[in-house]
């Protein structure tokens, strides 16, 4: 798998052409059957009124935070469901306290020990798939009976093996991996909304 960019570009237009080509190839690499499995897990936890937790570092933290918006406010638009969705990456006060007093590896698992329950769902986002705090969260999720979805890139890392569902993006560029992860987040949220629309005639007539 070639690393992008593998050469120097003089022109941003040429760079953007190859970047967009990389995104197209990366999206094509995602296993559609795994996307369907991820959607089923999300629909199931919503139907049972369980909780959805998301986590990630850096750009992946931003996706986890964005996920709470689209999976809570977005899915509720035109439906009668009230999803319980939380980002473990959102509270800097709590994250820094856990990191300072215990370990940065525990910033997500520590929170799950308090909030996670058997039957809940964890969406772990890590481009490398090897972030220690992501792996700790996935291990704990399994211990307490939570299902898990891992969004990864590069080789997939250990996260792709630990999760119940692996949404692996075949790409070697963080930006491209994160762009596709963002798309997968939108796909899961928008598909879930469609399944719960009280009036299917609203499809294509209301903004998501």
N, C-alpha and C. Protein backbone atom coordinates (compact mmCIF):
# COMPACT_ATOMS: atom_id res chain seq x y z
N UNK A 1 0.85 -1.19 0.00
CA UNK A 1 0.00 0.00 0.00
C UNK A 1 0.89 1.25 0.00
N UNK A 2 0.74 2.12 -0.99
CA UNK A 2 1.58 3.31 -1.09
C UNK A 2 1.13 4.39 -0.12
N UNK A 3 2.12 5.08 0.44
CA UNK A 3 1.84 6.22 1.31
C UNK A 3 1.51 7.43 0.44
N UNK A 4 0.48 8.19 0.82
CA UNK A 4 0.18 9.44 0.12
C UNK A 4 0.39 10.61 1.07
N UNK A 5 1.08 11.68 0.62
CA UNK A 5 1.72 11.83 -0.70
C UNK A 5 3.09 11.15 -0.74
N UNK A 6 3.43 10.60 -1.87
CA UNK A 6 4.72 9.94 -2.03
C UNK A 6 5.67 10.78 -2.86
N UNK A 7 5.22 11.97 -3.25
CA UNK A 7 6.05 12.87 -4.03
C UNK A 7 5.72 14.31 -3.68
N UNK A 8 6.58 15.22 -4.10
CA UNK A 8 6.35 16.65 -3.86
C UNK A 8 5.46 17.23 -4.95
N UNK A 9 4.48 18.05 -4.55
CA UNK A 9 3.56 18.67 -5.51
C UNK A 9 3.85 20.17 -5.58
N UNK A 10 3.92 20.68 -6.79
CA UNK A 10 4.07 22.12 -6.99
C UNK A 10 2.73 22.84 -6.97
N UNK A 11 1.67 22.10 -7.35
CA UNK A 11 0.35 22.71 -7.56
C UNK A 11 -0.69 22.09 -6.64
N UNK A 12 -1.43 22.94 -5.90
CA UNK A 12 -2.45 22.43 -4.97
C UNK A 12 -3.60 21.75 -5.70
N UNK A 13 -3.87 22.20 -6.92
CA UNK A 13 -4.93 21.55 -7.70
C UNK A 13 -4.58 20.11 -8.02
N UNK A 14 -3.32 19.86 -8.38
CA UNK A 14 -2.88 18.49 -8.64
C UNK A 14 -2.92 17.66 -7.36
N UNK A 15 -2.52 18.28 -6.25
CA UNK A 15 -2.56 17.58 -4.96
C UNK A 15 -3.99 17.20 -4.62
N UNK A 16 -4.91 18.14 -4.80
CA UNK A 16 -6.30 17.86 -4.47
C UNK A 16 -6.87 16.75 -5.35
N UNK A 17 -6.46 16.71 -6.62
CA UNK A 17 -6.94 15.65 -7.52
C UNK A 17 -6.55 14.28 -6.98
N UNK A 18 -5.28 14.15 -6.60
CA UNK A 18 -4.81 12.86 -6.10
C UNK A 18 -5.36 12.55 -4.70
N UNK A 19 -5.58 13.60 -3.90
CA UNK A 19 -6.18 13.40 -2.58
C UNK A 19 -7.60 12.87 -2.73
N UNK A 20 -8.38 13.48 -3.61
CA UNK A 20 -9.75 13.03 -3.83
C UNK A 20 -9.78 11.63 -4.42
N UNK A 21 -8.81 11.32 -5.26
CA UNK A 21 -8.70 9.95 -5.79
C UNK A 21 -8.44 8.98 -4.65
N UNK A 22 -7.58 9.41 -3.70
CA UNK A 22 -7.30 8.58 -2.54
C UNK A 22 -8.53 8.34 -1.69
N UNK A 23 -9.35 9.37 -1.53
CA UNK A 23 -10.59 9.21 -0.77
C UNK A 23 -11.52 8.20 -1.46
N UNK A 24 -11.63 8.30 -2.79
CA UNK A 24 -12.49 7.38 -3.53
C UNK A 24 -12.02 5.93 -3.36
N UNK A 25 -10.71 5.73 -3.44
CA UNK A 25 -10.17 4.38 -3.26
C UNK A 25 -10.37 3.89 -1.83
N UNK A 26 -10.24 4.79 -0.87
CA UNK A 26 -10.41 4.41 0.54
C UNK A 26 -11.85 4.05 0.85
N UNK A 27 -12.79 4.82 0.33
CA UNK A 27 -14.20 4.49 0.58
C UNK A 27 -14.57 3.16 -0.07
N UNK A 28 -13.98 2.88 -1.22
CA UNK A 28 -14.26 1.61 -1.90
C UNK A 28 -13.75 0.42 -1.11
N UNK A 29 -12.75 0.66 -0.26
CA UNK A 29 -12.14 -0.44 0.50
C UNK A 29 -12.97 -0.87 1.70
N UNK A 30 -13.91 -0.06 2.12
CA UNK A 30 -14.69 -0.36 3.33
C UNK A 30 -15.66 -1.50 3.05
N UNK A 31 -15.63 -2.49 3.92
CA UNK A 31 -16.49 -3.68 3.79
C UNK A 31 -17.94 -3.29 4.04
N UNK A 32 -18.75 -3.35 3.00
CA UNK A 32 -20.17 -2.95 3.12
C UNK A 32 -20.95 -3.85 4.06
N UNK A 33 -20.56 -5.11 4.15
CA UNK A 33 -21.23 -6.02 5.08
C UNK A 33 -20.97 -5.59 6.52
N UNK A 34 -19.76 -5.09 6.79
CA UNK A 34 -19.44 -4.60 8.13
C UNK A 34 -20.21 -3.32 8.43
N UNK A 35 -20.42 -2.48 7.42
CA UNK A 35 -21.23 -1.27 7.62
C UNK A 35 -22.65 -1.67 8.01
N UNK A 36 -23.19 -2.69 7.33
CA UNK A 36 -24.54 -3.16 7.65
C UNK A 36 -24.59 -3.72 9.07
N UNK A 37 -23.56 -4.44 9.48
CA UNK A 37 -23.51 -4.98 10.84
C UNK A 37 -23.44 -3.86 11.87
N UNK A 38 -22.65 -2.84 11.57
CA UNK A 38 -22.54 -1.69 12.47
C UNK A 38 -23.89 -1.00 12.62
N UNK A 39 -24.60 -0.83 11.51
CA UNK A 39 -25.91 -0.19 11.54
C UNK A 39 -26.89 -1.01 12.38
N UNK A 40 -26.81 -2.32 12.28
CA UNK A 40 -27.68 -3.19 13.06
C UNK A 40 -27.40 -3.05 14.55
N UNK A 41 -26.11 -2.98 14.93
CA UNK A 41 -25.77 -2.79 16.34
C UNK A 41 -26.32 -1.47 16.86
N UNK A 42 -26.18 -0.42 16.06
CA UNK A 42 -26.67 0.90 16.48
C UNK A 42 -28.18 0.89 16.61
N UNK A 43 -28.87 0.32 15.65
CA UNK A 43 -30.33 0.27 15.72
C UNK A 43 -30.80 -0.55 16.92
N UNK A 44 -30.11 -1.63 17.19
CA UNK A 44 -30.50 -2.50 18.30
C UNK A 44 -30.37 -1.78 19.64
N UNK A 45 -29.25 -1.08 19.85
CA UNK A 45 -29.06 -0.41 21.15
C UNK A 45 -30.06 0.74 21.30
N UNK A 46 -30.39 1.41 20.20
CA UNK A 46 -31.38 2.49 20.27
C UNK A 46 -32.75 1.91 20.62
N UNK A 47 -33.10 0.79 19.99
CA UNK A 47 -34.40 0.17 20.25
C UNK A 47 -34.54 -0.28 21.69
N UNK A 48 -33.43 -0.71 22.29
CA UNK A 48 -33.45 -1.18 23.68
C UNK A 48 -33.23 -0.05 24.68
N UNK A 49 -33.09 1.17 24.16
CA UNK A 49 -32.84 2.35 25.00
C UNK A 49 -31.53 2.23 25.78
N UNK A 50 -30.57 1.55 25.16
CA UNK A 50 -29.24 1.48 25.73
C UNK A 50 -28.46 2.74 25.40
N UNK A 51 -27.21 2.78 25.80
CA UNK A 51 -26.37 3.95 25.57
C UNK A 51 -25.31 3.67 24.53
N UNK A 52 -24.98 4.71 23.77
CA UNK A 52 -23.91 4.65 22.79
C UNK A 52 -22.79 5.57 23.27
N UNK A 53 -21.58 5.04 23.34
CA UNK A 53 -20.42 5.83 23.74
C UNK A 53 -19.43 5.86 22.58
N UNK A 54 -18.84 7.03 22.34
CA UNK A 54 -17.84 7.17 21.29
C UNK A 54 -16.57 7.75 21.89
N UNK A 55 -15.42 7.37 21.32
CA UNK A 55 -14.16 7.93 21.82
C UNK A 55 -13.11 7.94 20.72
N UNK A 56 -12.17 8.85 20.86
CA UNK A 56 -11.07 8.95 19.92
C UNK A 56 -10.10 10.02 20.39
N UNK A 57 -8.93 10.05 19.80
CA UNK A 57 -7.90 11.05 20.12
C UNK A 57 -7.71 11.99 18.93
N UNK A 58 -7.37 13.24 19.21
CA UNK A 58 -7.06 14.17 18.13
C UNK A 58 -8.24 14.36 17.19
N UNK A 59 -7.98 14.20 15.89
CA UNK A 59 -9.06 14.33 14.91
C UNK A 59 -10.16 13.32 15.15
N UNK A 60 -9.81 12.15 15.64
CA UNK A 60 -10.82 11.13 15.94
C UNK A 60 -11.71 11.54 17.11
N UNK A 61 -11.15 12.35 18.02
CA UNK A 61 -11.97 12.89 19.11
C UNK A 61 -13.02 13.83 18.55
N UNK A 62 -12.64 14.62 17.55
CA UNK A 62 -13.59 15.53 16.91
C UNK A 62 -14.72 14.75 16.24
N UNK A 63 -14.39 13.62 15.63
CA UNK A 63 -15.42 12.79 15.01
C UNK A 63 -16.33 12.19 16.08
N UNK A 64 -15.75 11.75 17.20
CA UNK A 64 -16.56 11.21 18.30
C UNK A 64 -17.52 12.26 18.84
N UNK A 65 -17.03 13.50 18.97
CA UNK A 65 -17.90 14.58 19.45
C UNK A 65 -18.99 14.90 18.44
N UNK A 66 -18.62 14.92 17.17
CA UNK A 66 -19.59 15.19 16.10
C UNK A 66 -20.66 14.10 16.06
N UNK A 67 -20.23 12.87 16.34
CA UNK A 67 -21.16 11.74 16.35
C UNK A 67 -22.30 11.95 17.34
N UNK A 68 -22.00 12.55 18.48
CA UNK A 68 -23.07 12.78 19.46
C UNK A 68 -24.13 13.71 18.91
N UNK A 69 -23.71 14.68 18.10
CA UNK A 69 -24.67 15.61 17.49
C UNK A 69 -25.57 14.89 16.49
N UNK A 70 -24.96 14.16 15.56
CA UNK A 70 -25.74 13.54 14.49
C UNK A 70 -26.54 12.33 14.97
N UNK A 71 -26.01 11.63 15.99
CA UNK A 71 -26.73 10.44 16.48
C UNK A 71 -27.74 10.78 17.57
N UNK A 72 -27.74 11.99 18.07
CA UNK A 72 -28.74 12.40 19.06
C UNK A 72 -29.73 13.37 18.42
N UNK A 73 -29.27 14.55 18.07
CA UNK A 73 -30.15 15.54 17.45
C UNK A 73 -30.61 15.09 16.07
N UNK A 74 -29.65 14.56 15.27
CA UNK A 74 -30.00 14.17 13.90
C UNK A 74 -31.02 13.06 13.83
N UNK A 75 -30.80 11.98 14.57
CA UNK A 75 -31.72 10.84 14.52
C UNK A 75 -33.10 11.21 15.05
N UNK A 76 -33.17 12.13 16.01
CA UNK A 76 -34.46 12.54 16.58
C UNK A 76 -35.31 13.34 15.59
N UNK A 77 -34.68 13.93 14.59
CA UNK A 77 -35.40 14.78 13.63
C UNK A 77 -36.39 13.96 12.80
N UNK A 78 -37.68 14.11 13.12
CA UNK A 78 -38.73 13.39 12.39
C UNK A 78 -39.01 12.00 12.89
N UNK A 79 -38.41 11.62 14.04
CA UNK A 79 -38.64 10.30 14.61
C UNK A 79 -39.16 10.44 16.04
N UNK A 80 -39.55 9.31 16.61
CA UNK A 80 -40.03 9.34 17.99
C UNK A 80 -39.05 8.65 18.94
N UNK A 81 -37.79 8.47 18.50
CA UNK A 81 -36.79 7.84 19.36
C UNK A 81 -35.95 8.89 20.04
N UNK A 82 -35.40 8.54 21.18
CA UNK A 82 -34.58 9.44 21.97
C UNK A 82 -33.24 8.76 22.30
N UNK A 83 -32.32 8.75 21.35
CA UNK A 83 -31.06 8.03 21.56
C UNK A 83 -30.25 8.59 22.73
N UNK A 84 -29.58 7.70 23.46
CA UNK A 84 -28.66 8.09 24.52
C UNK A 84 -27.25 7.97 23.97
N UNK A 85 -26.65 9.10 23.62
CA UNK A 85 -25.36 9.09 22.93
C UNK A 85 -24.39 10.02 23.65
N UNK A 86 -23.18 9.53 23.93
CA UNK A 86 -22.22 10.31 24.69
C UNK A 86 -20.81 10.16 24.09
N UNK A 87 -20.05 11.23 24.13
CA UNK A 87 -18.64 11.17 23.72
C UNK A 87 -17.77 11.16 24.97
N UNK A 88 -16.90 10.18 25.04
CA UNK A 88 -15.95 10.09 26.14
C UNK A 88 -14.76 11.03 25.93
N UNK A 89 -14.75 11.71 24.79
CA UNK A 89 -13.66 12.62 24.46
C UNK A 89 -14.00 14.08 24.70
N UNK A 90 -15.17 14.36 25.24
CA UNK A 90 -15.69 15.73 25.21
C UNK A 90 -15.37 16.59 26.43
N UNK A 91 -15.08 15.98 27.57
CA UNK A 91 -14.91 16.77 28.79
C UNK A 91 -13.44 16.87 29.16
N UNK A 92 -12.82 18.00 28.81
CA UNK A 92 -11.38 18.14 29.03
C UNK A 92 -11.03 18.10 30.51
N UNK A 93 -11.92 18.60 31.38
CA UNK A 93 -11.66 18.59 32.82
C UNK A 93 -11.52 17.15 33.33
N UNK A 94 -12.45 16.29 32.92
CA UNK A 94 -12.42 14.90 33.37
C UNK A 94 -11.26 14.14 32.75
N UNK A 95 -11.05 14.34 31.47
CA UNK A 95 -9.98 13.64 30.76
C UNK A 95 -8.62 13.97 31.37
N UNK A 96 -8.37 15.25 31.63
CA UNK A 96 -7.07 15.62 32.18
C UNK A 96 -6.91 15.17 33.62
N UNK A 97 -8.00 15.12 34.37
CA UNK A 97 -7.92 14.64 35.75
C UNK A 97 -7.56 13.15 35.78
N UNK A 98 -8.22 12.37 34.92
CA UNK A 98 -7.92 10.93 34.86
C UNK A 98 -6.47 10.72 34.40
N UNK A 99 -6.08 11.46 33.35
CA UNK A 99 -4.72 11.32 32.82
C UNK A 99 -3.67 11.70 33.86
N UNK A 100 -3.94 12.75 34.60
CA UNK A 100 -2.98 13.25 35.59
C UNK A 100 -2.88 12.33 36.81
N UNK A 101 -4.03 11.85 37.28
CA UNK A 101 -4.04 11.06 38.51
C UNK A 101 -3.81 9.57 38.29
N UNK A 102 -4.12 9.08 37.11
CA UNK A 102 -3.97 7.65 36.83
C UNK A 102 -3.04 7.44 35.62
N UNK A 103 -3.61 7.53 34.44
CA UNK A 103 -2.83 7.33 33.22
C UNK A 103 -3.66 7.77 32.03
N UNK A 104 -3.00 8.31 31.01
CA UNK A 104 -3.75 8.69 29.80
C UNK A 104 -4.36 7.46 29.13
N UNK A 105 -3.76 6.31 29.34
CA UNK A 105 -4.30 5.08 28.77
C UNK A 105 -5.70 4.78 29.29
N UNK A 106 -6.06 5.36 30.46
CA UNK A 106 -7.33 5.03 31.10
C UNK A 106 -8.41 6.10 30.93
N UNK A 107 -8.15 7.13 30.11
CA UNK A 107 -9.10 8.24 30.06
C UNK A 107 -10.48 7.83 29.55
N UNK A 108 -10.56 6.78 28.74
CA UNK A 108 -11.86 6.32 28.25
C UNK A 108 -12.39 5.14 29.07
N UNK A 109 -11.54 4.19 29.38
CA UNK A 109 -11.99 3.02 30.13
C UNK A 109 -12.48 3.40 31.53
N UNK A 110 -11.82 4.38 32.15
CA UNK A 110 -12.23 4.83 33.48
C UNK A 110 -13.67 5.34 33.44
N UNK A 111 -14.00 6.09 32.40
CA UNK A 111 -15.37 6.60 32.26
C UNK A 111 -16.37 5.47 32.00
N UNK A 112 -15.96 4.51 31.18
CA UNK A 112 -16.86 3.38 30.89
C UNK A 112 -17.14 2.54 32.13
N UNK A 113 -16.17 2.47 33.04
CA UNK A 113 -16.39 1.72 34.28
C UNK A 113 -17.55 2.30 35.07
N UNK A 114 -17.76 3.61 34.96
CA UNK A 114 -18.87 4.26 35.67
C UNK A 114 -20.17 4.23 34.87
N UNK A 115 -20.07 4.43 33.56
CA UNK A 115 -21.27 4.65 32.76
C UNK A 115 -21.70 3.46 31.90
N UNK A 116 -20.76 2.62 31.50
CA UNK A 116 -21.09 1.53 30.58
C UNK A 116 -21.85 0.41 31.26
N UNK A 117 -22.77 -0.18 30.50
CA UNK A 117 -23.58 -1.29 31.00
C UNK A 117 -23.64 -2.41 29.97
N UNK A 118 -23.92 -3.59 30.45
CA UNK A 118 -24.13 -4.74 29.57
C UNK A 118 -25.19 -4.37 28.53
N UNK A 119 -24.86 -4.56 27.24
CA UNK A 119 -25.81 -4.26 26.18
C UNK A 119 -25.63 -2.89 25.56
N UNK A 120 -24.78 -2.04 26.15
CA UNK A 120 -24.49 -0.74 25.55
C UNK A 120 -23.55 -0.94 24.36
N UNK A 121 -23.24 0.16 23.67
CA UNK A 121 -22.42 0.10 22.47
C UNK A 121 -21.28 1.11 22.55
N UNK A 122 -20.07 0.68 22.20
CA UNK A 122 -18.91 1.56 22.13
C UNK A 122 -18.48 1.70 20.67
N UNK A 123 -18.33 2.95 20.23
CA UNK A 123 -17.77 3.23 18.91
C UNK A 123 -16.40 3.84 19.13
N UNK A 124 -15.35 3.06 18.85
CA UNK A 124 -13.97 3.48 19.09
C UNK A 124 -13.32 3.88 17.77
N UNK A 125 -12.80 5.11 17.73
CA UNK A 125 -12.26 5.66 16.49
C UNK A 125 -10.76 5.88 16.64
N UNK A 126 -9.98 5.20 15.81
CA UNK A 126 -8.52 5.31 15.90
C UNK A 126 -7.92 5.00 14.53
N UNK A 127 -7.31 5.98 13.91
CA UNK A 127 -6.73 5.76 12.58
C UNK A 127 -5.71 4.63 12.62
N UNK A 128 -4.83 4.63 13.60
CA UNK A 128 -3.81 3.58 13.70
C UNK A 128 -4.38 2.27 14.19
N UNK A 129 -5.43 2.35 15.01
CA UNK A 129 -5.99 1.15 15.62
C UNK A 129 -5.18 0.63 16.77
N UNK A 130 -4.16 1.39 17.19
CA UNK A 130 -3.27 0.92 18.25
C UNK A 130 -3.12 1.89 19.42
N UNK A 131 -3.95 2.91 19.49
CA UNK A 131 -3.87 3.85 20.61
C UNK A 131 -4.19 3.10 21.90
N UNK A 132 -3.29 3.15 22.90
CA UNK A 132 -3.49 2.37 24.13
C UNK A 132 -4.82 2.67 24.82
N UNK A 133 -5.25 3.93 24.86
CA UNK A 133 -6.51 4.23 25.55
C UNK A 133 -7.72 3.69 24.80
N UNK A 134 -7.61 3.59 23.48
CA UNK A 134 -8.68 2.98 22.69
C UNK A 134 -8.74 1.48 22.95
N UNK A 135 -7.58 0.84 23.00
CA UNK A 135 -7.54 -0.60 23.26
C UNK A 135 -8.04 -0.92 24.67
N UNK A 136 -7.70 -0.09 25.65
CA UNK A 136 -8.20 -0.30 27.01
C UNK A 136 -9.72 -0.20 27.04
N UNK A 137 -10.28 0.77 26.31
CA UNK A 137 -11.73 0.93 26.28
C UNK A 137 -12.39 -0.27 25.63
N UNK A 138 -11.81 -0.78 24.55
CA UNK A 138 -12.37 -1.95 23.86
C UNK A 138 -12.30 -3.19 24.75
N UNK A 139 -11.21 -3.37 25.46
CA UNK A 139 -11.09 -4.52 26.38
C UNK A 139 -12.16 -4.42 27.48
N UNK A 140 -12.33 -3.24 28.04
CA UNK A 140 -13.31 -3.09 29.11
C UNK A 140 -14.72 -3.30 28.59
N UNK A 141 -15.00 -2.78 27.41
CA UNK A 141 -16.33 -2.96 26.82
C UNK A 141 -16.67 -4.45 26.72
N UNK A 142 -15.71 -5.23 26.28
CA UNK A 142 -15.94 -6.67 26.17
C UNK A 142 -16.17 -7.29 27.55
N UNK A 143 -15.40 -6.86 28.53
CA UNK A 143 -15.52 -7.42 29.88
C UNK A 143 -16.90 -7.19 30.48
N UNK A 144 -17.49 -6.02 30.21
CA UNK A 144 -18.78 -5.72 30.84
C UNK A 144 -19.98 -6.02 29.95
N UNK A 145 -19.72 -6.64 28.79
CA UNK A 145 -20.82 -7.09 27.94
C UNK A 145 -21.31 -6.07 26.93
N UNK A 146 -20.52 -5.05 26.67
CA UNK A 146 -20.88 -4.08 25.65
C UNK A 146 -20.45 -4.58 24.27
N UNK A 147 -21.21 -4.24 23.24
CA UNK A 147 -20.79 -4.47 21.87
C UNK A 147 -19.90 -3.31 21.45
N UNK A 148 -19.11 -3.52 20.38
CA UNK A 148 -18.19 -2.46 19.97
C UNK A 148 -18.02 -2.41 18.46
N UNK A 149 -17.80 -1.19 17.98
CA UNK A 149 -17.47 -0.92 16.59
C UNK A 149 -16.15 -0.18 16.58
N UNK A 150 -15.19 -0.62 15.77
CA UNK A 150 -13.92 0.09 15.65
C UNK A 150 -13.81 0.68 14.25
N UNK A 151 -13.54 1.98 14.19
CA UNK A 151 -13.22 2.64 12.93
C UNK A 151 -11.71 2.83 12.90
N UNK A 152 -11.04 2.19 11.95
CA UNK A 152 -9.59 2.24 11.88
C UNK A 152 -9.12 2.52 10.46
N UNK A 153 -7.79 2.72 10.33
CA UNK A 153 -7.16 2.88 9.03
C UNK A 153 -5.83 2.16 9.04
N UNK A 154 -4.93 2.56 8.14
CA UNK A 154 -3.60 1.94 8.07
C UNK A 154 -3.72 0.41 8.08
N UNK A 155 -3.12 -0.28 9.04
CA UNK A 155 -3.21 -1.76 9.08
C UNK A 155 -4.43 -2.24 9.85
N UNK A 156 -5.14 -1.34 10.50
CA UNK A 156 -6.28 -1.71 11.35
C UNK A 156 -5.89 -1.89 12.80
N UNK A 157 -4.63 -2.27 13.03
CA UNK A 157 -4.14 -2.42 14.39
C UNK A 157 -4.92 -3.43 15.21
N UNK A 158 -4.70 -3.40 16.52
CA UNK A 158 -5.36 -4.33 17.44
C UNK A 158 -6.84 -4.01 17.59
N UNK A 159 -7.20 -2.75 17.42
CA UNK A 159 -8.61 -2.36 17.59
C UNK A 159 -9.51 -3.09 16.61
N UNK A 160 -9.03 -3.27 15.39
CA UNK A 160 -9.83 -3.97 14.38
C UNK A 160 -10.10 -5.42 14.78
N UNK A 161 -9.17 -6.00 15.55
CA UNK A 161 -9.34 -7.39 15.99
C UNK A 161 -10.20 -7.49 17.23
N UNK A 162 -10.15 -6.47 18.09
CA UNK A 162 -10.87 -6.53 19.37
C UNK A 162 -12.37 -6.24 19.22
N UNK A 163 -12.72 -5.41 18.26
CA UNK A 163 -14.11 -4.96 18.15
C UNK A 163 -15.01 -6.03 17.55
N UNK A 164 -16.30 -5.95 17.86
CA UNK A 164 -17.27 -6.86 17.26
C UNK A 164 -17.45 -6.57 15.77
N UNK A 165 -17.35 -5.30 15.41
CA UNK A 165 -17.46 -4.89 14.01
C UNK A 165 -16.27 -4.01 13.66
N UNK A 166 -15.63 -4.29 12.53
CA UNK A 166 -14.46 -3.54 12.11
C UNK A 166 -14.75 -2.74 10.85
N UNK A 167 -14.75 -1.42 10.99
CA UNK A 167 -14.88 -0.53 9.83
C UNK A 167 -13.48 -0.03 9.50
N UNK A 168 -12.76 -0.83 8.73
CA UNK A 168 -11.37 -0.55 8.40
C UNK A 168 -11.29 0.19 7.07
N UNK A 169 -10.52 1.27 7.06
CA UNK A 169 -10.30 2.07 5.86
C UNK A 169 -8.89 1.80 5.35
N UNK A 170 -8.78 1.28 4.14
CA UNK A 170 -7.48 0.96 3.57
C UNK A 170 -6.84 2.23 3.01
N UNK A 171 -6.11 2.93 3.85
CA UNK A 171 -5.43 4.16 3.45
C UNK A 171 -4.28 4.42 4.40
N UNK A 172 -3.28 5.17 3.93
CA UNK A 172 -2.08 5.45 4.71
C UNK A 172 -1.91 6.93 5.02
N UNK A 173 -2.97 7.70 4.86
CA UNK A 173 -2.94 9.13 5.10
C UNK A 173 -3.98 9.46 6.15
N UNK A 174 -3.56 10.12 7.25
CA UNK A 174 -4.50 10.38 8.34
C UNK A 174 -5.71 11.18 7.88
N UNK A 175 -5.47 12.18 7.03
CA UNK A 175 -6.59 13.00 6.57
C UNK A 175 -7.62 12.18 5.82
N UNK A 176 -7.16 11.31 4.93
CA UNK A 176 -8.07 10.48 4.14
C UNK A 176 -8.81 9.51 5.05
N UNK A 177 -8.09 8.87 5.97
CA UNK A 177 -8.75 7.94 6.90
C UNK A 177 -9.83 8.67 7.70
N UNK A 178 -9.50 9.84 8.23
CA UNK A 178 -10.46 10.59 9.04
C UNK A 178 -11.65 11.07 8.21
N UNK A 179 -11.41 11.45 6.95
CA UNK A 179 -12.51 11.86 6.08
C UNK A 179 -13.50 10.72 5.88
N UNK A 180 -12.97 9.52 5.69
CA UNK A 180 -13.86 8.36 5.49
C UNK A 180 -14.55 7.98 6.80
N UNK A 181 -13.85 8.08 7.91
CA UNK A 181 -14.49 7.82 9.21
C UNK A 181 -15.65 8.79 9.44
N UNK A 182 -15.43 10.06 9.09
CA UNK A 182 -16.51 11.05 9.22
C UNK A 182 -17.70 10.66 8.36
N UNK A 183 -17.44 10.18 7.15
CA UNK A 183 -18.52 9.73 6.28
C UNK A 183 -19.25 8.53 6.87
N UNK A 184 -18.49 7.59 7.43
CA UNK A 184 -19.12 6.42 8.04
C UNK A 184 -20.01 6.82 9.21
N UNK A 185 -19.55 7.79 9.99
CA UNK A 185 -20.38 8.30 11.09
C UNK A 185 -21.68 8.87 10.56
N UNK A 186 -21.60 9.67 9.50
CA UNK A 186 -22.81 10.24 8.91
C UNK A 186 -23.72 9.16 8.35
N UNK A 187 -23.13 8.16 7.71
CA UNK A 187 -23.93 7.07 7.13
C UNK A 187 -24.72 6.35 8.23
N UNK A 188 -24.04 6.00 9.31
CA UNK A 188 -24.73 5.27 10.40
C UNK A 188 -25.85 6.11 11.00
N UNK A 189 -25.59 7.39 11.22
CA UNK A 189 -26.61 8.25 11.82
C UNK A 189 -27.79 8.46 10.88
N UNK A 190 -27.50 8.75 9.61
CA UNK A 190 -28.58 9.04 8.67
C UNK A 190 -29.40 7.80 8.35
N UNK A 191 -28.72 6.63 8.26
CA UNK A 191 -29.46 5.39 8.01
C UNK A 191 -30.36 5.07 9.20
N UNK A 192 -29.83 5.26 10.42
CA UNK A 192 -30.65 4.99 11.61
C UNK A 192 -31.89 5.89 11.62
N UNK A 193 -31.71 7.14 11.24
CA UNK A 193 -32.86 8.06 11.20
C UNK A 193 -33.91 7.53 10.22
N UNK A 194 -33.47 7.09 9.03
CA UNK A 194 -34.42 6.56 8.05
C UNK A 194 -35.24 5.41 8.62
N UNK A 195 -34.58 4.55 9.36
CA UNK A 195 -35.27 3.37 9.89
C UNK A 195 -36.32 3.74 10.93
N UNK A 196 -36.16 4.90 11.56
CA UNK A 196 -37.08 5.29 12.63
C UNK A 196 -38.03 6.42 12.24
N UNK A 197 -37.99 6.86 10.99
CA UNK A 197 -38.88 7.93 10.58
C UNK A 197 -40.33 7.51 10.78
N UNK A 198 -41.10 8.34 11.46
CA UNK A 198 -42.51 8.03 11.66
C UNK A 198 -43.30 8.21 10.37
N UNK A 199 -42.78 9.04 9.47
CA UNK A 199 -43.43 9.28 8.18
C UNK A 199 -42.37 9.15 7.09
N UNK A 200 -42.35 8.00 6.41
CA UNK A 200 -41.31 7.75 5.40
C UNK A 200 -41.39 8.73 4.24
N UNK A 201 -42.51 9.41 4.07
CA UNK A 201 -42.63 10.38 2.99
C UNK A 201 -41.74 11.60 3.23
N UNK A 202 -41.20 11.72 4.46
CA UNK A 202 -40.30 12.83 4.78
C UNK A 202 -38.91 12.66 4.15
N UNK A 203 -38.61 11.43 3.68
CA UNK A 203 -37.31 11.18 3.08
C UNK A 203 -37.15 12.09 1.86
N UNK A 204 -36.09 12.85 1.82
CA UNK A 204 -35.83 13.74 0.71
C UNK A 204 -36.52 15.09 0.82
N UNK A 205 -37.32 15.27 1.89
CA UNK A 205 -38.05 16.52 2.05
C UNK A 205 -37.62 17.31 3.29
N UNK A 206 -36.87 16.66 4.17
CA UNK A 206 -36.40 17.36 5.37
C UNK A 206 -34.90 17.32 5.43
N UNK A 207 -34.30 18.35 5.96
CA UNK A 207 -32.86 18.42 6.07
C UNK A 207 -32.39 17.55 7.22
N UNK A 208 -31.27 16.86 7.00
CA UNK A 208 -30.69 16.04 8.06
C UNK A 208 -29.53 16.80 8.67
